PDB file of N, CA and C in Angstrom:
ATOM      1  N   UNK A   1     110.755 -34.111 -89.863  1.00  0.00           N
ATOM      2  CA  UNK A   1     109.700 -35.105 -89.876  1.00  0.00           C
ATOM      3  C   UNK A   1     108.523 -34.586 -89.054  1.00  0.00           C
ATOM      4  N   UNK A   2     107.358 -34.587 -89.613  1.00  0.00           N
ATOM      5  CA  UNK A   2     106.158 -34.136 -88.925  1.00  0.00           C
ATOM      6  C   UNK A   2     105.302 -35.350 -88.598  1.00  0.00           C
ATOM      7  N   UNK A   3     104.930 -35.474 -87.332  1.00  0.00           N
ATOM      8  CA  UNK A   3     104.091 -36.584 -86.888  1.00  0.00           C
ATOM      9  C   UNK A   3     102.779 -36.005 -86.387  1.00  0.00           C
ATOM     10  N   UNK A   4     101.694 -36.430 -86.975  1.00  0.00           N
ATOM     11  CA  UNK A   4     100.384 -35.963 -86.544  1.00  0.00           C
ATOM     12  C   UNK A   4      99.744 -37.062 -85.717  1.00  0.00           C
ATOM     13  N   UNK A   5      99.809 -36.908 -84.386  1.00  0.00           N
ATOM     14  CA  UNK A   5      99.293 -37.945 -83.497  1.00  0.00           C
ATOM     15  C   UNK A   5      97.779 -38.028 -83.517  1.00  0.00           C
ATOM     16  N   UNK A   6      97.124 -36.951 -83.912  1.00  0.00           N
ATOM     17  CA  UNK A   6      95.667 -36.976 -83.911  1.00  0.00           C
ATOM     18  C   UNK A   6      95.123 -37.949 -84.955  1.00  0.00           C
ATOM     19  N   UNK A   7      95.837 -38.153 -86.046  1.00  0.00           N
ATOM     20  CA  UNK A   7      95.354 -39.092 -87.056  1.00  0.00           C
ATOM     21  C   UNK A   7      95.484 -40.533 -86.576  1.00  0.00           C
ATOM     22  N   UNK A   8      96.369 -40.782 -85.622  1.00  0.00           N
ATOM     23  CA  UNK A   8      96.538 -42.135 -85.118  1.00  0.00           C
ATOM     24  C   UNK A   8      95.341 -42.573 -84.284  1.00  0.00           C
ATOM     25  N   UNK A   9      94.630 -41.623 -83.696  1.00  0.00           N
ATOM     26  CA  UNK A   9      93.483 -41.960 -82.847  1.00  0.00           C
ATOM     27  C   UNK A   9      92.444 -42.760 -83.617  1.00  0.00           C
ATOM     28  N   UNK A  10      92.313 -42.505 -84.889  1.00  0.00           N
ATOM     29  CA  UNK A  10      91.370 -43.264 -85.714  1.00  0.00           C
ATOM     30  C   UNK A  10      91.868 -44.686 -85.895  1.00  0.00           C
ATOM     31  N   UNK A  11      93.182 -44.851 -86.011  1.00  0.00           N
ATOM     32  CA  UNK A  11      93.756 -46.171 -86.231  1.00  0.00           C
ATOM     33  C   UNK A  11      93.734 -47.019 -84.963  1.00  0.00           C
ATOM     34  N   UNK A  12      93.686 -46.421 -83.788  1.00  0.00           N
ATOM     35  CA  UNK A  12      93.799 -47.160 -82.543  1.00  0.00           C
ATOM     36  C   UNK A  12      92.459 -47.653 -82.019  1.00  0.00           C
ATOM     37  N   UNK A  13      91.401 -47.438 -82.722  1.00  0.00           N
ATOM     38  CA  UNK A  13      90.101 -47.828 -82.187  1.00  0.00           C
ATOM     39  C   UNK A  13      90.034 -49.307 -81.857  1.00  0.00           C
ATOM     40  N   UNK A  14      90.785 -50.134 -82.534  1.00  0.00           N
ATOM     41  CA  UNK A  14      90.877 -51.550 -82.202  1.00  0.00           C
ATOM     42  C   UNK A  14      92.298 -51.825 -81.720  1.00  0.00           C
ATOM     43  N   UNK A  15      92.561 -51.596 -80.450  1.00  0.00           N
ATOM     44  CA  UNK A  15      93.891 -51.801 -79.911  1.00  0.00           C
ATOM     45  C   UNK A  15      94.268 -53.266 -79.911  1.00  0.00           C
ATOM     46  N   UNK A  16      95.500 -53.568 -80.298  1.00  0.00           N
ATOM     47  CA  UNK A  16      95.967 -54.945 -80.139  1.00  0.00           C
ATOM     48  C   UNK A  16      96.207 -55.213 -78.663  1.00  0.00           C
ATOM     49  N   UNK A  17      96.370 -56.458 -78.298  1.00  0.00           N
ATOM     50  CA  UNK A  17      96.631 -56.766 -76.897  1.00  0.00           C
ATOM     51  C   UNK A  17      98.036 -56.363 -76.505  1.00  0.00           C
ATOM     52  N   UNK A  18      98.924 -56.169 -77.483  1.00  0.00           N
ATOM     53  CA  UNK A  18     100.275 -55.703 -77.184  1.00  0.00           C
ATOM     54  C   UNK A  18     100.714 -54.726 -78.273  1.00  0.00           C
ATOM     55  N   UNK A  19     101.693 -53.895 -77.920  1.00  0.00           N
ATOM     56  CA  UNK A  19     102.213 -52.891 -78.843  1.00  0.00           C
ATOM     57  C   UNK A  19     103.705 -52.753 -78.561  1.00  0.00           C
ATOM     58  N   UNK A  20     104.492 -52.540 -79.595  1.00  0.00           N
ATOM     59  CA  UNK A  20     105.933 -52.391 -79.409  1.00  0.00           C
ATOM     60  C   UNK A  20     106.211 -51.069 -78.716  1.00  0.00           C
ATOM     61  N   UNK A  21     107.304 -51.017 -77.983  1.00  0.00           N
ATOM     62  CA  UNK A  21     107.652 -49.822 -77.237  1.00  0.00           C
ATOM     63  C   UNK A  21     107.889 -48.633 -78.167  1.00  0.00           C
ATOM     64  N   UNK A  22     108.438 -48.878 -79.346  1.00  0.00           N
ATOM     65  CA  UNK A  22     108.679 -47.779 -80.275  1.00  0.00           C
ATOM     66  C   UNK A  22     107.367 -47.210 -80.808  1.00  0.00           C
ATOM     67  N   UNK A  23     106.409 -48.066 -81.097  1.00  0.00           N
ATOM     68  CA  UNK A  23     105.109 -47.593 -81.561  1.00  0.00           C
ATOM     69  C   UNK A  23     104.357 -46.893 -80.422  1.00  0.00           C
ATOM     70  N   UNK A  24     104.501 -47.420 -79.195  1.00  0.00           N
ATOM     71  CA  UNK A  24     103.867 -46.774 -78.045  1.00  0.00           C
ATOM     72  C   UNK A  24     104.467 -45.399 -77.808  1.00  0.00           C
ATOM     73  N   UNK A  25     105.783 -45.283 -77.921  1.00  0.00           N
ATOM     74  CA  UNK A  25     106.446 -44.001 -77.695  1.00  0.00           C
ATOM     75  C   UNK A  25     105.970 -42.956 -78.697  1.00  0.00           C
ATOM     76  N   UNK A  26     105.776 -43.357 -79.938  1.00  0.00           N
ATOM     77  CA  UNK A  26     105.348 -42.417 -80.973  1.00  0.00           C
ATOM     78  C   UNK A  26     103.888 -42.010 -80.829  1.00  0.00           C
ATOM     79  N   UNK A  27     103.076 -42.865 -80.194  1.00  0.00           N
ATOM     80  CA  UNK A  27     101.631 -42.606 -80.149  1.00  0.00           C
ATOM     81  C   UNK A  27     101.059 -42.753 -78.745  1.00  0.00           C
ATOM     82  N   UNK A  28     101.875 -42.503 -77.721  1.00  0.00           N
ATOM     83  CA  UNK A  28     101.445 -42.840 -76.356  1.00  0.00           C
ATOM     84  C   UNK A  28     100.189 -42.094 -75.911  1.00  0.00           C
ATOM     85  N   UNK A  29     100.022 -40.833 -76.265  1.00  0.00           N
ATOM     86  CA  UNK A  29      98.834 -40.110 -75.814  1.00  0.00           C
ATOM     87  C   UNK A  29      97.560 -40.710 -76.387  1.00  0.00           C
ATOM     88  N   UNK A  30      97.594 -41.065 -77.664  1.00  0.00           N
ATOM     89  CA  UNK A  30      96.416 -41.673 -78.284  1.00  0.00           C
ATOM     90  C   UNK A  30      96.148 -43.058 -77.699  1.00  0.00           C
ATOM     91  N   UNK A  31      97.203 -43.821 -77.445  1.00  0.00           N
ATOM     92  CA  UNK A  31      97.036 -45.161 -76.868  1.00  0.00           C
ATOM     93  C   UNK A  31      96.489 -45.065 -75.447  1.00  0.00           C
ATOM     94  N   UNK A  32      97.014 -44.137 -74.645  1.00  0.00           N
ATOM     95  CA  UNK A  32      96.521 -43.985 -73.276  1.00  0.00           C
ATOM     96  C   UNK A  32      95.054 -43.565 -73.262  1.00  0.00           C
ATOM     97  N   UNK A  33      94.679 -42.675 -74.142  1.00  0.00           N
ATOM     98  CA  UNK A  33      93.276 -42.253 -74.194  1.00  0.00           C
ATOM     99  C   UNK A  33      92.376 -43.409 -74.606  1.00  0.00           C
ATOM    100  N   UNK A  34      92.817 -44.218 -75.537  1.00  0.00           N
ATOM    101  CA  UNK A  34      92.012 -45.349 -75.984  1.00  0.00           C
ATOM    102  C   UNK A  34      91.877 -46.396 -74.873  1.00  0.00           C
ATOM    103  N   UNK A  35      92.945 -46.629 -74.108  1.00  0.00           N
ATOM    104  CA  UNK A  35      92.874 -47.569 -72.974  1.00  0.00           C
ATOM    105  C   UNK A  35      91.896 -47.040 -71.940  1.00  0.00           C
ATOM    106  N   UNK A  36      91.961 -45.733 -71.661  1.00  0.00           N
ATOM    107  CA  UNK A  36      91.022 -45.143 -70.706  1.00  0.00           C
ATOM    108  C   UNK A  36      89.591 -45.258 -71.193  1.00  0.00           C
ATOM    109  N   UNK A  37      89.373 -44.964 -72.481  1.00  0.00           N
ATOM    110  CA  UNK A  37      88.027 -44.974 -73.038  1.00  0.00           C
ATOM    111  C   UNK A  37      87.459 -46.386 -73.141  1.00  0.00           C
ATOM    112  N   UNK A  38      88.272 -47.325 -73.615  1.00  0.00           N
ATOM    113  CA  UNK A  38      87.776 -48.682 -73.850  1.00  0.00           C
ATOM    114  C   UNK A  38      87.744 -49.542 -72.583  1.00  0.00           C
ATOM    115  N   UNK A  39      88.615 -49.209 -71.604  1.00  0.00           N
ATOM    116  CA  UNK A  39      88.674 -50.017 -70.389  1.00  0.00           C
ATOM    117  C   UNK A  39      89.496 -51.280 -70.552  1.00  0.00           C
ATOM    118  N   UNK A  40      90.151 -51.447 -71.700  1.00  0.00           N
ATOM    119  CA  UNK A  40      90.986 -52.633 -71.944  1.00  0.00           C
ATOM    120  C   UNK A  40      92.449 -52.295 -71.717  1.00  0.00           C
ATOM    121  N   UNK A  41      93.195 -53.219 -71.142  1.00  0.00           N
ATOM    122  CA  UNK A  41      94.626 -52.999 -70.919  1.00  0.00           C
ATOM    123  C   UNK A  41      95.417 -53.399 -72.156  1.00  0.00           C
ATOM    124  N   UNK A  42      96.661 -52.945 -72.204  1.00  0.00           N
ATOM    125  CA  UNK A  42      97.542 -53.266 -73.325  1.00  0.00           C
ATOM    126  C   UNK A  42      98.942 -53.535 -72.781  1.00  0.00           C
ATOM    127  N   UNK A  43      99.628 -54.512 -73.350  1.00  0.00           N
ATOM    128  CA  UNK A  43     100.984 -54.868 -72.947  1.00  0.00           C
ATOM    129  C   UNK A  43     101.957 -54.178 -73.894  1.00  0.00           C
ATOM    130  N   UNK A  44     102.970 -53.539 -73.339  1.00  0.00           N
ATOM    131  CA  UNK A  44     103.999 -52.868 -74.132  1.00  0.00           C
ATOM    132  C   UNK A  44     105.197 -53.795 -74.174  1.00  0.00           C
ATOM    133  N   UNK A  45     105.694 -54.076 -75.380  1.00  0.00           N
ATOM    134  CA  UNK A  45     106.776 -55.042 -75.547  1.00  0.00           C
ATOM    135  C   UNK A  45     108.021 -54.379 -76.125  1.00  0.00           C
ATOM    136  N   UNK A  46     109.167 -54.979 -75.821  1.00  0.00           N
ATOM    137  CA  UNK A  46     110.439 -54.567 -76.401  1.00  0.00           C
ATOM    138  C   UNK A  46     111.084 -55.814 -76.974  1.00  0.00           C
ATOM    139  N   UNK A  47     111.176 -55.836 -78.289  1.00  0.00           N
ATOM    140  CA  UNK A  47     111.675 -57.017 -79.012  1.00  0.00           C
ATOM    141  C   UNK A  47     110.848 -58.259 -78.692  1.00  0.00           C
ATOM    142  N   UNK A  48     109.550 -58.053 -78.537  1.00  0.00           N
ATOM    143  CA  UNK A  48     108.636 -59.158 -78.288  1.00  0.00           C
ATOM    144  C   UNK A  48     108.511 -59.584 -76.841  1.00  0.00           C
ATOM    145  N   UNK A  49     109.303 -58.983 -75.961  1.00  0.00           N
ATOM    146  CA  UNK A  49     109.280 -59.330 -74.544  1.00  0.00           C
ATOM    147  C   UNK A  49     108.465 -58.268 -73.799  1.00  0.00           C
ATOM    148  N   UNK A  50     107.458 -58.674 -73.031  1.00  0.00           N
ATOM    149  CA  UNK A  50     106.661 -57.692 -72.287  1.00  0.00           C
ATOM    150  C   UNK A  50     107.513 -56.932 -71.278  1.00  0.00           C
ATOM    151  N   UNK A  51     107.384 -55.589 -71.288  1.00  0.00           N
ATOM    152  CA  UNK A  51     108.141 -54.775 -70.335  1.00  0.00           C
ATOM    153  C   UNK A  51     107.219 -53.941 -69.447  1.00  0.00           C
ATOM    154  N   UNK A  52     105.978 -53.740 -69.881  1.00  0.00           N
ATOM    155  CA  UNK A  52     105.034 -52.948 -69.084  1.00  0.00           C
ATOM    156  C   UNK A  52     103.625 -53.265 -69.535  1.00  0.00           C
ATOM    157  N   UNK A  53     102.681 -52.953 -68.656  1.00  0.00           N
ATOM    158  CA  UNK A  53     101.272 -53.116 -68.994  1.00  0.00           C
ATOM    159  C   UNK A  53     100.562 -51.813 -68.675  1.00  0.00           C
ATOM    160  N   UNK A  54      99.845 -51.299 -69.635  1.00  0.00           N
ATOM    161  CA  UNK A  54      99.069 -50.077 -69.453  1.00  0.00           C
ATOM    162  C   UNK A  54      97.638 -50.488 -69.166  1.00  0.00           C
ATOM    163  N   UNK A  55      97.163 -50.147 -67.983  1.00  0.00           N
ATOM    164  CA  UNK A  55      95.820 -50.541 -67.573  1.00  0.00           C
ATOM    165  C   UNK A  55      94.963 -49.301 -67.369  1.00  0.00           C
ATOM    166  N   UNK A  56      93.661 -49.409 -67.583  1.00  0.00           N
ATOM    167  CA  UNK A  56      92.787 -48.250 -67.357  1.00  0.00           C
ATOM    168  C   UNK A  56      92.680 -47.948 -65.870  1.00  0.00           C
ATOM    169  N   UNK A  57      92.350 -46.721 -65.524  1.00  0.00           N
ATOM    170  CA  UNK A  57      92.213 -46.384 -64.110  1.00  0.00           C
ATOM    171  C   UNK A  57      91.020 -47.091 -63.493  1.00  0.00           C
ATOM    172  N   UNK A  58      91.133 -47.379 -62.209  1.00  0.00           N
ATOM    173  CA  UNK A  58      89.995 -47.976 -61.513  1.00  0.00           C
ATOM    174  C   UNK A  58      88.932 -46.911 -61.309  1.00  0.00           C
ATOM    175  N   UNK A  59      87.730 -47.321 -61.070  1.00  0.00           N
ATOM    176  CA  UNK A  59      86.633 -46.365 -60.957  1.00  0.00           C
ATOM    177  C   UNK A  59      86.786 -45.453 -59.751  1.00  0.00           C
ATOM    178  N   UNK A  60      87.548 -45.858 -58.744  1.00  0.00           N
ATOM    179  CA  UNK A  60      87.693 -45.071 -57.529  1.00  0.00           C
ATOM    180  C   UNK A  60      88.768 -44.014 -57.582  1.00  0.00           C
ATOM    181  N   UNK A  61      89.485 -43.877 -58.676  1.00  0.00           N
ATOM    182  CA  UNK A  61      90.578 -42.909 -58.744  1.00  0.00           C
ATOM    183  C   UNK A  61      90.149 -41.656 -59.484  1.00  0.00           C
ATOM    184  N   UNK A  62      89.298 -40.905 -58.881  1.00  0.00           N
ATOM    185  CA  UNK A  62      88.837 -39.643 -59.457  1.00  0.00           C
ATOM    186  C   UNK A  62      89.477 -38.500 -58.695  1.00  0.00           C
ATOM    187  N   UNK A  63      89.739 -37.400 -59.376  1.00  0.00           N
ATOM    188  CA  UNK A  63      90.396 -36.255 -58.778  1.00  0.00           C
ATOM    189  C   UNK A  63      89.642 -35.647 -57.614  1.00  0.00           C
ATOM    190  N   UNK A  64      88.332 -35.655 -57.663  1.00  0.00           N
ATOM    191  CA  UNK A  64      87.548 -35.013 -56.612  1.00  0.00           C
ATOM    192  C   UNK A  64      87.712 -35.715 -55.270  1.00  0.00           C
ATOM    193  N   UNK A  65      88.015 -36.991 -55.265  1.00  0.00           N
ATOM    194  CA  UNK A  65      88.127 -37.729 -54.010  1.00  0.00           C
ATOM    195  C   UNK A  65      89.368 -37.353 -53.221  1.00  0.00           C
ATOM    196  N   UNK A  66      90.457 -36.980 -53.882  1.00  0.00           N
ATOM    197  CA  UNK A  66      91.662 -36.641 -53.142  1.00  0.00           C
ATOM    198  C   UNK A  66      91.689 -35.171 -52.742  1.00  0.00           C
ATOM    199  N   UNK A  67      90.887 -34.353 -53.392  1.00  0.00           N
ATOM    200  CA  UNK A  67      90.838 -32.937 -53.034  1.00  0.00           C
ATOM    201  C   UNK A  67      90.300 -32.795 -51.612  1.00  0.00           C
ATOM    202  N   UNK A  68      91.078 -32.189 -50.771  1.00  0.00           N
ATOM    203  CA  UNK A  68      90.658 -31.992 -49.397  1.00  0.00           C
ATOM    204  C   UNK A  68      90.897 -33.179 -48.492  1.00  0.00           C
ATOM    205  N   UNK A  69      91.508 -34.230 -48.996  1.00  0.00           N
ATOM    206  CA  UNK A  69      91.700 -35.432 -48.177  1.00  0.00           C
ATOM    207  C   UNK A  69      92.701 -35.211 -47.042  1.00  0.00           C
ATOM    208  N   UNK A  70      93.543 -34.186 -47.157  1.00  0.00           N
ATOM    209  CA  UNK A  70      94.524 -33.902 -46.110  1.00  0.00           C
ATOM    210  C   UNK A  70      94.034 -32.822 -45.145  1.00  0.00           C
ATOM    211  N   UNK A  71      92.789 -32.398 -45.271  1.00  0.00           N
ATOM    212  CA  UNK A  71      92.252 -31.352 -44.405  1.00  0.00           C
ATOM    213  C   UNK A  71      92.328 -31.773 -42.941  1.00  0.00           C
ATOM    214  N   UNK A  72      92.732 -30.844 -42.098  1.00  0.00           N
ATOM    215  CA  UNK A  72      92.822 -31.052 -40.648  1.00  0.00           C
ATOM    216  C   UNK A  72      93.829 -32.129 -40.244  1.00  0.00           C
ATOM    217  N   UNK A  73      94.820 -32.414 -41.070  1.00  0.00           N
ATOM    218  CA  UNK A  73      95.828 -33.411 -40.704  1.00  0.00           C
ATOM    219  C   UNK A  73      97.126 -32.766 -40.245  1.00  0.00           C
ATOM    220  N   UNK A  74      97.237 -31.439 -40.363  1.00  0.00           N
ATOM    221  CA  UNK A  74      98.437 -30.747 -39.893  1.00  0.00           C
ATOM    222  C   UNK A  74      98.050 -29.368 -39.388  1.00  0.00           C
ATOM    223  N   UNK A  75      99.008 -28.743 -38.705  1.00  0.00           N
ATOM    224  CA  UNK A  75      98.770 -27.418 -38.153  1.00  0.00           C
ATOM    225  C   UNK A  75      99.956 -26.529 -38.497  1.00  0.00           C
ATOM    226  N   UNK A  76      99.687 -25.332 -38.987  1.00  0.00           N
ATOM    227  CA  UNK A  76     100.740 -24.371 -39.301  1.00  0.00           C
ATOM    228  C   UNK A  76     101.095 -23.641 -38.014  1.00  0.00           C
ATOM    229  N   UNK A  77     102.375 -23.677 -37.665  1.00  0.00           N
ATOM    230  CA  UNK A  77     102.845 -23.041 -36.445  1.00  0.00           C
ATOM    231  C   UNK A  77     103.833 -21.944 -36.834  1.00  0.00           C
ATOM    232  N   UNK A  78     103.565 -20.726 -36.452  1.00  0.00           N
ATOM    233  CA  UNK A  78     104.480 -19.628 -36.738  1.00  0.00           C
ATOM    234  C   UNK A  78     104.175 -18.953 -38.067  1.00  0.00           C
ATOM    235  N   UNK A  79     105.091 -18.082 -38.454  1.00  0.00           N
ATOM    236  CA  UNK A  79     104.945 -17.284 -39.662  1.00  0.00           C
ATOM    237  C   UNK A  79     105.535 -18.053 -40.846  1.00  0.00           C
ATOM    238  N   UNK A  80     104.722 -18.392 -41.840  1.00  0.00           N
ATOM    239  CA  UNK A  80     105.213 -19.137 -43.000  1.00  0.00           C
ATOM    240  C   UNK A  80     105.470 -18.231 -44.189  1.00  0.00           C
ATOM    241  N   UNK A  81     105.282 -16.919 -44.037  1.00  0.00           N
ATOM    242  CA  UNK A  81     105.442 -15.988 -45.144  1.00  0.00           C
ATOM    243  C   UNK A  81     106.762 -15.231 -45.057  1.00  0.00           C
ATOM    244  N   UNK A  82     107.126 -14.772 -43.888  1.00  0.00           N
ATOM    245  CA  UNK A  82     108.336 -13.972 -43.716  1.00  0.00           C
ATOM    246  C   UNK A  82     109.586 -14.831 -43.853  1.00  0.00           C
ATOM    247  N   UNK A  83     110.711 -14.209 -44.254  1.00  0.00           N
ATOM    248  CA  UNK A  83     111.971 -14.959 -44.326  1.00  0.00           C
ATOM    249  C   UNK A  83     112.383 -15.451 -42.944  1.00  0.00           C
ATOM    250  N   UNK A  84     113.149 -16.523 -42.898  1.00  0.00           N
ATOM    251  CA  UNK A  84     113.541 -17.086 -41.601  1.00  0.00           C
ATOM    252  C   UNK A  84     114.663 -16.287 -40.955  1.00  0.00           C
ATOM    253  N   UNK A  85     115.343 -15.467 -41.743  1.00  0.00           N
ATOM    254  CA  UNK A  85     116.392 -14.629 -41.182  1.00  0.00           C
ATOM    255  C   UNK A  85     116.263 -13.211 -41.733  1.00  0.00           C
ATOM    256  N   UNK A  86     116.903 -12.276 -41.075  1.00  0.00           N
ATOM    257  CA  UNK A  86     116.850 -10.872 -41.457  1.00  0.00           C
ATOM    258  C   UNK A  86     117.513 -10.689 -42.829  1.00  0.00           C
ATOM    259  N   UNK A  87     116.886  -9.962 -43.765  1.00  0.00           N
ATOM    260  CA  UNK A  87     117.501  -9.742 -45.080  1.00  0.00           C
ATOM    261  C   UNK A  87     118.883  -9.097 -45.024  1.00  0.00           C
ATOM    262  N   UNK A  88     119.217  -8.371 -43.946  1.00  0.00           N
ATOM    263  CA  UNK A  88     120.554  -7.783 -43.795  1.00  0.00           C
ATOM    264  C   UNK A  88     121.625  -8.869 -43.637  1.00  0.00           C
ATOM    265  N   UNK A  89     121.242 -10.049 -43.211  1.00  0.00           N
ATOM    266  CA  UNK A  89     122.192 -11.145 -43.012  1.00  0.00           C
ATOM    267  C   UNK A  89     122.369 -12.014 -44.253  1.00  0.00           C
ATOM    268  N   UNK A  90     121.613 -11.731 -45.315  1.00  0.00           N
ATOM    269  CA  UNK A  90     121.704 -12.538 -46.521  1.00  0.00           C
ATOM    270  C   UNK A  90     123.032 -12.299 -47.213  1.00  0.00           C
ATOM    271  N   UNK A  91     123.728 -13.358 -47.486  1.00  0.00           N
ATOM    272  CA  UNK A  91     125.036 -13.268 -48.139  1.00  0.00           C
ATOM    273  C   UNK A  91     124.906 -12.732 -49.568  1.00  0.00           C
ATOM    274  N   UNK A  92     123.846 -13.078 -50.255  1.00  0.00           N
ATOM    275  CA  UNK A  92     123.656 -12.647 -51.634  1.00  0.00           C
ATOM    276  C   UNK A  92     123.458 -11.134 -51.731  1.00  0.00           C
ATOM    277  N   UNK A  93     122.931 -10.512 -50.684  1.00  0.00           N
ATOM    278  CA  UNK A  93     122.690  -9.070 -50.707  1.00  0.00           C
ATOM    279  C   UNK A  93     123.888  -8.268 -50.194  1.00  0.00           C
ATOM    280  N   UNK A  94     124.910  -8.922 -49.671  1.00  0.00           N
ATOM    281  CA  UNK A  94     126.028  -8.208 -49.073  1.00  0.00           C
ATOM    282  C   UNK A  94     126.986  -7.652 -50.114  1.00  0.00           C
ATOM    283  N   UNK A  95     126.940  -8.109 -51.331  1.00  0.00           N
ATOM    284  CA  UNK A  95     127.884  -7.658 -52.359  1.00  0.00           C
ATOM    285  C   UNK A  95     127.450  -6.419 -53.051  1.00  0.00           C
TER     286      UNK A  95
END
């Protein structure tokens, strides 16, 4: 069975307010992109019962903001490149 998910992107331009879990599983990348693009959330249902809600990202969650956010929060002490013990003591090399 061949599934072409790219053709589904045309069909998803008008997302319903809810989608079955099986349909979401088959087309999740296209559905996630449409939620991101449109800014509208969608409820994922299993047998008609809501099990999850896919919401678009908030405007403050951009990758550039977290880059460097941990700068100057820790200090490297000692040698982090060399092995912690002498290679002659390695059990794997003794055989």
